[in-house]
Amino acid sequence: MTSIASRAIRQAVLPVALLGLFACGCACFGHHGVQAAPPGGGHSPQHVATRGTIPPEFLDLVTTKKAFANLATVMPNGSPQVTPVWFDFDGKYIRVNSARGRVKDKNMRRVIKITETGAVEHINALARKYRGMDIYRSPRPDEVRVMYVIEPRRVAAQS
C-alpha cells in the first residue's frame, strides 16, 4: 500500500530530479559573477523559474561545464534515493547514463521508459566531457549501459 507521504514524495521528487544542479550551480561555478551568500546571510537570493525551458544565461551549466546533476529517484518503500550523476543536454532533453540493474536503474524503470539504444555511445561522450577519455572503461565487462531521456517540466534556479 502506498502512503500519502510516499505519493507526495513521488510527485515532488521525480519532476525535479535534476534541479540540484541549478540550486547550487551558480555559486559553485561563480556563474556570471554570482557569489555564494556570506555566512549569516547578508544577501537576498534571486529565484528563476520557468516552464521546462532552461534560461539562456544558465545553458552553459548544462552544455559545456563539468557540472554534476543530482538524480533523485524513489525507492519501493517511498523513500528518496539521490545520486550525483554525469549528464548532458541536447537542447530539449537531459540525458543520464547508468548500468542495468543498479539501484537508480531499478527505480527509474518503474516510472519512465529506459533505452539501451545509443547508451554506449552516450557514456563514451560523457567520459570525454568529464574525464577526457575517448572510451568509458567499465569495471565490469558484462555491464549493459542504459540511458534515461528526461524532459524538463519545470526549471528553477537560485542565485
N, C-alpha and C. Protein backbone atom coordinates (compact mmCIF):
# COMPACT_ATOMS: atom_id res chain seq x y z
N MET A 1 0.84 -1.18 0.00
CA MET A 1 0.00 0.00 0.00
C MET A 1 0.88 1.24 0.00
N THR A 2 0.59 2.20 -0.86
CA THR A 2 1.36 3.42 -0.94
C THR A 2 0.77 4.45 0.01
N SER A 3 1.61 5.00 0.85
CA SER A 3 1.11 6.00 1.80
C SER A 3 0.96 7.35 1.11
N ILE A 4 0.21 8.23 1.73
CA ILE A 4 0.04 9.59 1.20
C ILE A 4 1.39 10.28 1.13
N ALA A 5 2.24 10.07 2.13
CA ALA A 5 3.56 10.70 2.15
C ALA A 5 4.41 10.23 0.98
N SER A 6 4.41 8.92 0.70
CA SER A 6 5.25 8.43 -0.39
C SER A 6 4.71 8.90 -1.74
N ARG A 7 3.39 9.02 -1.90
CA ARG A 7 2.85 9.58 -3.14
C ARG A 7 3.29 11.02 -3.30
N ALA A 8 3.28 11.78 -2.21
CA ALA A 8 3.72 13.17 -2.28
C ALA A 8 5.20 13.25 -2.65
N ILE A 9 6.01 12.35 -2.10
CA ILE A 9 7.43 12.34 -2.44
C ILE A 9 7.60 12.02 -3.92
N ARG A 10 6.87 11.02 -4.41
CA ARG A 10 6.97 10.66 -5.83
C ARG A 10 6.62 11.85 -6.72
N GLN A 11 5.56 12.57 -6.38
CA GLN A 11 5.14 13.70 -7.19
C GLN A 11 6.10 14.87 -7.08
N ALA A 12 6.73 15.05 -5.92
CA ALA A 12 7.63 16.18 -5.73
C ALA A 12 9.04 15.89 -6.22
N VAL A 13 9.53 14.67 -6.00
CA VAL A 13 10.93 14.37 -6.31
C VAL A 13 11.17 14.15 -7.79
N LEU A 14 10.38 13.32 -8.44
CA LEU A 14 10.68 12.97 -9.81
C LEU A 14 10.65 14.13 -10.80
N PRO A 15 9.67 15.04 -10.76
CA PRO A 15 9.70 16.13 -11.73
C PRO A 15 10.90 17.05 -11.57
N VAL A 16 11.50 17.09 -10.40
CA VAL A 16 12.64 17.98 -10.19
C VAL A 16 13.91 17.17 -9.97
N ALA A 17 13.99 16.01 -10.60
CA ALA A 17 15.08 15.08 -10.34
C ALA A 17 16.46 15.67 -10.55
N LEU A 18 16.61 16.58 -11.46
CA LEU A 18 17.95 17.07 -11.78
C LEU A 18 18.19 18.51 -11.36
N LEU A 19 17.32 19.09 -10.59
CA LEU A 19 17.46 20.51 -10.31
C LEU A 19 18.45 20.85 -9.21
N GLY A 20 19.02 19.85 -8.57
CA GLY A 20 20.08 20.13 -7.61
C GLY A 20 21.22 20.86 -8.28
N LEU A 21 21.42 20.62 -9.55
CA LEU A 21 22.43 21.31 -10.33
C LEU A 21 22.22 22.81 -10.30
N PHE A 22 20.97 23.24 -10.47
CA PHE A 22 20.69 24.66 -10.53
C PHE A 22 20.65 25.30 -9.15
N ALA A 23 20.31 24.55 -8.15
CA ALA A 23 20.19 25.11 -6.81
C ALA A 23 21.52 25.63 -6.30
N CYS A 24 22.62 24.95 -6.64
CA CYS A 24 23.92 25.41 -6.16
C CYS A 24 24.87 25.71 -7.30
N GLY A 25 24.51 25.41 -8.51
CA GLY A 25 25.42 25.55 -9.64
C GLY A 25 25.96 26.93 -9.85
N CYS A 26 25.15 27.94 -9.69
CA CYS A 26 25.61 29.30 -9.95
C CYS A 26 26.72 29.70 -9.00
N ALA A 27 26.52 29.50 -7.72
CA ALA A 27 27.53 29.90 -6.75
C ALA A 27 28.77 29.01 -6.85
N CYS A 28 28.58 27.71 -7.05
CA CYS A 28 29.72 26.79 -7.13
C CYS A 28 30.62 27.12 -8.30
N PHE A 29 30.06 27.52 -9.41
CA PHE A 29 30.84 27.80 -10.60
C PHE A 29 31.17 29.27 -10.75
N GLY A 30 30.76 30.12 -9.79
CA GLY A 30 30.98 31.55 -9.92
C GLY A 30 30.29 32.06 -11.18
N HIS A 31 29.16 31.51 -11.47
CA HIS A 31 28.45 31.75 -12.72
C HIS A 31 28.01 33.20 -12.86
N HIS A 32 28.46 33.83 -13.91
CA HIS A 32 28.08 35.20 -14.25
C HIS A 32 28.21 36.14 -13.05
N GLY A 33 29.27 35.99 -12.30
CA GLY A 33 29.54 36.88 -11.18
C GLY A 33 28.72 36.60 -9.94
N VAL A 34 27.96 35.54 -9.92
CA VAL A 34 27.14 35.22 -8.76
C VAL A 34 28.04 34.69 -7.66
N GLN A 35 27.90 35.19 -6.48
CA GLN A 35 28.70 34.75 -5.34
C GLN A 35 27.81 34.01 -4.36
N ALA A 36 28.39 33.07 -3.64
CA ALA A 36 27.64 32.38 -2.60
C ALA A 36 27.33 33.37 -1.49
N ALA A 37 26.22 33.17 -0.81
CA ALA A 37 25.83 34.08 0.28
C ALA A 37 26.86 34.00 1.40
N PRO A 38 27.23 35.15 1.97
CA PRO A 38 28.18 35.13 3.07
C PRO A 38 27.54 34.48 4.30
N PRO A 39 28.38 33.93 5.21
CA PRO A 39 27.81 33.34 6.42
C PRO A 39 26.94 34.35 7.16
N GLY A 40 25.82 33.88 7.65
CA GLY A 40 24.92 34.76 8.38
C GLY A 40 23.99 35.55 7.48
N GLY A 41 23.99 35.23 6.19
CA GLY A 41 23.08 35.91 5.26
C GLY A 41 23.74 37.10 4.62
N GLY A 42 23.05 38.22 4.59
CA GLY A 42 23.62 39.41 4.01
C GLY A 42 23.31 39.59 2.54
N HIS A 43 22.57 38.65 1.97
CA HIS A 43 22.24 38.82 0.56
C HIS A 43 20.94 38.07 0.29
N SER A 44 20.12 38.70 -0.46
CA SER A 44 18.80 38.15 -0.74
C SER A 44 18.86 37.38 -2.05
N PRO A 45 18.63 36.05 -2.04
CA PRO A 45 18.76 35.28 -3.27
C PRO A 45 17.68 35.63 -4.28
N GLN A 46 18.07 35.53 -5.56
CA GLN A 46 17.12 35.73 -6.64
C GLN A 46 16.66 34.36 -7.09
N HIS A 47 15.40 34.24 -7.45
CA HIS A 47 14.86 32.97 -7.90
C HIS A 47 14.49 33.08 -9.37
N VAL A 48 14.79 32.03 -10.13
CA VAL A 48 14.42 31.95 -11.53
C VAL A 48 13.60 30.68 -11.69
N ALA A 49 12.42 30.79 -12.27
CA ALA A 49 11.61 29.60 -12.52
C ALA A 49 10.98 29.74 -13.90
N THR A 50 11.04 28.67 -14.67
CA THR A 50 10.43 28.68 -15.99
C THR A 50 9.70 27.37 -16.20
N ARG A 51 8.92 27.31 -17.24
CA ARG A 51 8.18 26.08 -17.55
C ARG A 51 8.97 25.26 -18.58
N GLY A 52 9.89 24.44 -18.09
CA GLY A 52 10.58 23.49 -18.93
C GLY A 52 11.69 24.02 -19.81
N THR A 53 11.90 25.31 -19.85
CA THR A 53 12.94 25.88 -20.69
C THR A 53 14.06 26.39 -19.80
N ILE A 54 15.27 25.97 -20.10
CA ILE A 54 16.41 26.44 -19.32
C ILE A 54 16.76 27.83 -19.81
N PRO A 55 16.79 28.82 -18.89
CA PRO A 55 17.10 30.19 -19.30
C PRO A 55 18.47 30.27 -19.97
N PRO A 56 18.61 31.08 -21.01
CA PRO A 56 19.86 31.17 -21.77
C PRO A 56 21.09 31.45 -20.89
N GLU A 57 20.92 32.26 -19.85
CA GLU A 57 22.08 32.59 -19.01
C GLU A 57 22.58 31.40 -18.19
N PHE A 58 21.84 30.30 -18.15
CA PHE A 58 22.25 29.10 -17.43
C PHE A 58 22.59 27.93 -18.34
N LEU A 59 22.45 28.10 -19.66
CA LEU A 59 22.67 26.99 -20.58
C LEU A 59 24.07 26.40 -20.50
N ASP A 60 25.08 27.24 -20.24
CA ASP A 60 26.43 26.68 -20.18
C ASP A 60 26.59 25.69 -19.02
N LEU A 61 25.77 25.80 -18.00
CA LEU A 61 25.83 24.83 -16.89
C LEU A 61 25.42 23.43 -17.33
N VAL A 62 24.57 23.34 -18.34
CA VAL A 62 24.10 22.03 -18.79
C VAL A 62 24.70 21.59 -20.12
N THR A 63 25.45 22.48 -20.77
CA THR A 63 26.00 22.11 -22.08
C THR A 63 27.52 21.97 -22.07
N THR A 64 28.24 22.89 -21.44
CA THR A 64 29.70 22.87 -21.56
C THR A 64 30.45 22.66 -20.25
N LYS A 65 29.88 23.03 -19.14
CA LYS A 65 30.57 22.88 -17.85
C LYS A 65 30.52 21.44 -17.37
N LYS A 66 31.50 21.06 -16.56
CA LYS A 66 31.53 19.71 -15.99
C LYS A 66 30.75 19.71 -14.68
N ALA A 67 29.49 19.98 -14.79
CA ALA A 67 28.61 20.01 -13.62
C ALA A 67 28.02 18.62 -13.40
N PHE A 68 27.73 18.31 -12.16
CA PHE A 68 27.04 17.07 -11.82
C PHE A 68 25.59 17.39 -11.52
N ALA A 69 24.73 16.46 -11.86
CA ALA A 69 23.31 16.59 -11.51
C ALA A 69 23.04 15.65 -10.35
N ASN A 70 22.04 15.95 -9.59
CA ASN A 70 21.59 15.07 -8.52
C ASN A 70 20.32 14.38 -9.00
N LEU A 71 20.43 13.11 -9.31
CA LEU A 71 19.27 12.35 -9.79
C LEU A 71 18.56 11.76 -8.58
N ALA A 72 17.35 12.21 -8.34
CA ALA A 72 16.56 11.72 -7.21
C ALA A 72 15.53 10.73 -7.73
N THR A 73 15.56 9.52 -7.16
CA THR A 73 14.56 8.50 -7.51
C THR A 73 13.86 8.08 -6.23
N VAL A 74 12.83 7.28 -6.38
CA VAL A 74 12.05 6.85 -5.23
C VAL A 74 12.20 5.34 -5.07
N MET A 75 12.59 4.93 -3.87
CA MET A 75 12.74 3.51 -3.55
C MET A 75 11.36 2.86 -3.44
N PRO A 76 11.27 1.54 -3.52
CA PRO A 76 9.96 0.87 -3.41
C PRO A 76 9.21 1.21 -2.13
N ASN A 77 9.93 1.52 -1.04
CA ASN A 77 9.26 1.86 0.22
C ASN A 77 8.86 3.33 0.28
N GLY A 78 9.11 4.09 -0.79
CA GLY A 78 8.72 5.50 -0.83
C GLY A 78 9.79 6.47 -0.41
N SER A 79 10.92 6.00 0.07
CA SER A 79 11.98 6.91 0.49
C SER A 79 12.78 7.38 -0.72
N PRO A 80 13.33 8.60 -0.65
CA PRO A 80 14.13 9.10 -1.77
C PRO A 80 15.52 8.48 -1.80
N GLN A 81 16.07 8.38 -3.00
CA GLN A 81 17.44 7.91 -3.19
C GLN A 81 18.07 8.90 -4.17
N VAL A 82 19.13 9.58 -3.75
CA VAL A 82 19.75 10.63 -4.55
C VAL A 82 21.17 10.22 -4.92
N THR A 83 21.51 10.38 -6.20
CA THR A 83 22.82 10.00 -6.71
C THR A 83 23.37 11.13 -7.56
N PRO A 84 24.62 11.56 -7.32
CA PRO A 84 25.23 12.51 -8.27
C PRO A 84 25.56 11.77 -9.56
N VAL A 85 25.24 12.39 -10.70
CA VAL A 85 25.42 11.71 -11.99
C VAL A 85 26.02 12.66 -13.02
N TRP A 86 26.70 12.06 -14.01
CA TRP A 86 27.10 12.77 -15.21
C TRP A 86 25.84 12.91 -16.05
N PHE A 87 25.77 13.97 -16.85
CA PHE A 87 24.61 14.17 -17.72
C PHE A 87 25.00 15.04 -18.88
N ASP A 88 24.14 15.11 -19.88
CA ASP A 88 24.28 16.11 -20.93
C ASP A 88 22.89 16.61 -21.31
N PHE A 89 22.86 17.64 -22.11
CA PHE A 89 21.61 18.28 -22.51
C PHE A 89 21.67 18.45 -24.01
N ASP A 90 20.67 17.94 -24.72
CA ASP A 90 20.69 18.01 -26.18
C ASP A 90 19.88 19.18 -26.75
N GLY A 91 19.52 20.11 -25.91
CA GLY A 91 18.72 21.25 -26.34
C GLY A 91 17.27 21.14 -25.92
N LYS A 92 16.80 19.92 -25.70
CA LYS A 92 15.43 19.68 -25.24
C LYS A 92 15.39 18.71 -24.06
N TYR A 93 16.24 17.69 -24.08
CA TYR A 93 16.20 16.64 -23.08
C TYR A 93 17.50 16.58 -22.28
N ILE A 94 17.37 16.24 -21.01
CA ILE A 94 18.51 15.93 -20.17
C ILE A 94 18.70 14.43 -20.26
N ARG A 95 19.93 14.01 -20.56
CA ARG A 95 20.21 12.58 -20.73
C ARG A 95 21.19 12.11 -19.66
N VAL A 96 20.83 11.02 -19.00
CA VAL A 96 21.62 10.44 -17.92
C VAL A 96 21.90 8.99 -18.29
N ASN A 97 23.10 8.52 -17.96
CA ASN A 97 23.51 7.17 -18.30
C ASN A 97 23.75 6.37 -17.03
N SER A 98 23.47 5.09 -17.09
CA SER A 98 23.71 4.20 -15.95
C SER A 98 23.93 2.79 -16.48
N ALA A 99 24.01 1.85 -15.58
CA ALA A 99 24.13 0.44 -15.96
C ALA A 99 22.87 -0.30 -15.50
N ARG A 100 22.45 -1.26 -16.32
CA ARG A 100 21.27 -2.05 -15.99
C ARG A 100 21.49 -2.75 -14.64
N GLY A 101 20.45 -2.69 -13.80
CA GLY A 101 20.48 -3.40 -12.52
C GLY A 101 20.91 -2.56 -11.33
N ARG A 102 21.45 -1.38 -11.54
CA ARG A 102 21.82 -0.53 -10.40
C ARG A 102 20.55 -0.02 -9.73
N VAL A 103 20.69 0.46 -8.50
CA VAL A 103 19.52 0.92 -7.74
C VAL A 103 18.77 2.01 -8.50
N LYS A 104 19.48 3.02 -9.01
CA LYS A 104 18.78 4.09 -9.73
C LYS A 104 18.09 3.56 -10.98
N ASP A 105 18.69 2.57 -11.63
CA ASP A 105 18.08 1.97 -12.81
C ASP A 105 16.77 1.26 -12.44
N LYS A 106 16.79 0.49 -11.39
CA LYS A 106 15.58 -0.21 -10.95
C LYS A 106 14.48 0.79 -10.59
N ASN A 107 14.86 1.87 -9.90
CA ASN A 107 13.88 2.89 -9.53
C ASN A 107 13.34 3.62 -10.75
N MET A 108 14.21 3.95 -11.70
CA MET A 108 13.78 4.69 -12.90
C MET A 108 12.87 3.81 -13.77
N ARG A 109 13.12 2.53 -13.85
CA ARG A 109 12.31 1.64 -14.68
C ARG A 109 10.84 1.60 -14.24
N ARG A 110 10.59 1.92 -12.99
CA ARG A 110 9.20 1.93 -12.51
C ARG A 110 8.42 3.15 -13.01
N VAL A 111 9.13 4.20 -13.47
CA VAL A 111 8.41 5.43 -13.80
C VAL A 111 8.61 5.94 -15.22
N ILE A 112 9.70 5.57 -15.88
CA ILE A 112 9.91 6.04 -17.25
C ILE A 112 10.44 4.91 -18.12
N LYS A 113 10.38 5.13 -19.42
CA LYS A 113 10.91 4.16 -20.36
C LYS A 113 12.43 4.35 -20.45
N ILE A 114 13.14 3.24 -20.44
CA ILE A 114 14.60 3.22 -20.49
C ILE A 114 15.01 2.72 -21.86
N THR A 115 16.12 3.25 -22.40
CA THR A 115 16.61 2.75 -23.67
C THR A 115 18.05 2.31 -23.56
N GLU A 116 18.39 1.25 -24.28
CA GLU A 116 19.77 0.82 -24.40
C GLU A 116 20.36 1.33 -25.71
N THR A 117 19.50 1.76 -26.64
CA THR A 117 19.94 2.25 -27.93
C THR A 117 20.76 3.53 -27.75
N GLY A 118 21.97 3.50 -28.21
CA GLY A 118 22.85 4.67 -28.12
C GLY A 118 23.48 4.89 -26.77
N ALA A 119 23.23 4.00 -25.81
CA ALA A 119 23.73 4.21 -24.44
C ALA A 119 25.25 4.09 -24.35
N VAL A 120 25.85 3.18 -25.12
CA VAL A 120 27.31 3.03 -25.08
C VAL A 120 27.96 4.28 -25.67
N GLU A 121 27.45 4.76 -26.79
CA GLU A 121 27.99 5.98 -27.39
C GLU A 121 27.82 7.16 -26.44
N HIS A 122 26.69 7.19 -25.75
CA HIS A 122 26.41 8.28 -24.81
C HIS A 122 27.38 8.26 -23.64
N ILE A 123 27.66 7.10 -23.04
CA ILE A 123 28.60 7.06 -21.91
C ILE A 123 30.00 7.41 -22.38
N ASN A 124 30.35 7.06 -23.63
CA ASN A 124 31.66 7.46 -24.16
C ASN A 124 31.75 8.97 -24.32
N ALA A 125 30.66 9.60 -24.77
CA ALA A 125 30.64 11.07 -24.88
C ALA A 125 30.76 11.72 -23.50
N LEU A 126 30.07 11.15 -22.51
CA LEU A 126 30.17 11.68 -21.15
C LEU A 126 31.58 11.49 -20.58
N ALA A 127 32.21 10.37 -20.89
CA ALA A 127 33.59 10.13 -20.44
C ALA A 127 34.54 11.16 -21.05
N ARG A 128 34.31 11.55 -22.32
CA ARG A 128 35.12 12.61 -22.93
C ARG A 128 34.92 13.93 -22.20
N LYS A 129 33.66 14.25 -21.90
CA LYS A 129 33.34 15.52 -21.22
C LYS A 129 33.91 15.57 -19.80
N TYR A 130 33.71 14.51 -19.03
CA TYR A 130 34.06 14.53 -17.61
C TYR A 130 35.47 14.04 -17.29
N ARG A 131 36.02 13.15 -18.12
CA ARG A 131 37.34 12.57 -17.81
C ARG A 131 38.38 12.77 -18.89
N GLY A 132 37.98 13.27 -20.06
CA GLY A 132 38.92 13.43 -21.16
C GLY A 132 39.32 12.09 -21.79
N MET A 133 38.49 11.06 -21.63
CA MET A 133 38.75 9.72 -22.17
C MET A 133 37.86 9.49 -23.40
N ASP A 134 38.40 8.83 -24.41
CA ASP A 134 37.59 8.54 -25.59
C ASP A 134 36.59 7.41 -25.35
N ILE A 135 36.97 6.46 -24.50
CA ILE A 135 36.11 5.31 -24.23
C ILE A 135 35.96 5.14 -22.73
N TYR A 136 34.72 4.98 -22.29
CA TYR A 136 34.44 4.74 -20.88
C TYR A 136 34.88 3.33 -20.54
N ARG A 137 35.67 3.20 -19.52
CA ARG A 137 36.16 1.90 -19.08
C ARG A 137 35.35 1.44 -17.88
N SER A 138 34.50 0.47 -18.09
CA SER A 138 33.65 -0.06 -17.02
C SER A 138 34.45 -1.04 -16.17
N PRO A 139 34.22 -1.02 -14.85
CA PRO A 139 34.88 -2.02 -14.02
C PRO A 139 34.33 -3.43 -14.26
N ARG A 140 33.15 -3.52 -14.89
CA ARG A 140 32.53 -4.83 -15.16
C ARG A 140 32.36 -5.00 -16.68
N PRO A 141 33.07 -5.92 -17.28
CA PRO A 141 32.98 -6.09 -18.74
C PRO A 141 31.60 -6.55 -19.23
N ASP A 142 30.79 -7.18 -18.37
CA ASP A 142 29.47 -7.66 -18.78
C ASP A 142 28.38 -6.62 -18.57
N GLU A 143 28.75 -5.41 -18.18
CA GLU A 143 27.79 -4.35 -17.87
C GLU A 143 27.02 -3.92 -19.12
N VAL A 144 25.71 -3.72 -18.98
CA VAL A 144 24.85 -3.23 -20.06
C VAL A 144 24.49 -1.79 -19.73
N ARG A 145 24.85 -0.87 -20.60
CA ARG A 145 24.58 0.55 -20.38
C ARG A 145 23.14 0.87 -20.77
N VAL A 146 22.53 1.79 -20.03
CA VAL A 146 21.18 2.27 -20.32
C VAL A 146 21.19 3.79 -20.25
N MET A 147 20.22 4.40 -20.91
CA MET A 147 20.14 5.85 -20.93
C MET A 147 18.71 6.28 -20.58
N TYR A 148 18.61 7.32 -19.76
CA TYR A 148 17.33 7.92 -19.41
C TYR A 148 17.24 9.26 -20.11
N VAL A 149 16.17 9.48 -20.82
CA VAL A 149 15.94 10.74 -21.52
C VAL A 149 14.83 11.46 -20.77
N ILE A 150 15.18 12.60 -20.18
CA ILE A 150 14.26 13.31 -19.28
C ILE A 150 13.94 14.68 -19.85
N GLU A 151 12.66 14.96 -20.01
CA GLU A 151 12.24 16.28 -20.48
C GLU A 151 11.97 17.16 -19.26
N PRO A 152 12.69 18.27 -19.14
CA PRO A 152 12.42 19.16 -18.00
C PRO A 152 11.01 19.75 -18.10
N ARG A 153 10.27 19.68 -17.03
CA ARG A 153 8.92 20.25 -16.99
C ARG A 153 8.91 21.59 -16.30
N ARG A 154 9.83 21.73 -15.35
CA ARG A 154 9.93 22.99 -14.62
C ARG A 154 11.39 23.18 -14.28
N VAL A 155 11.90 24.36 -14.50
CA VAL A 155 13.29 24.66 -14.21
C VAL A 155 13.31 25.77 -13.17
N ALA A 156 14.05 25.56 -12.11
CA ALA A 156 14.17 26.57 -11.06
C ALA A 156 15.65 26.77 -10.73
N ALA A 157 16.03 27.99 -10.45
CA ALA A 157 17.41 28.29 -10.07
C ALA A 157 17.39 29.33 -8.97
N GLN A 158 18.42 29.30 -8.19
CA GLN A 158 18.57 30.29 -7.11
C GLN A 158 19.99 30.79 -7.18
N SER A 159 20.13 32.08 -7.21
CA SER A 159 21.47 32.65 -7.25
C SER A 159 21.63 33.73 -6.21
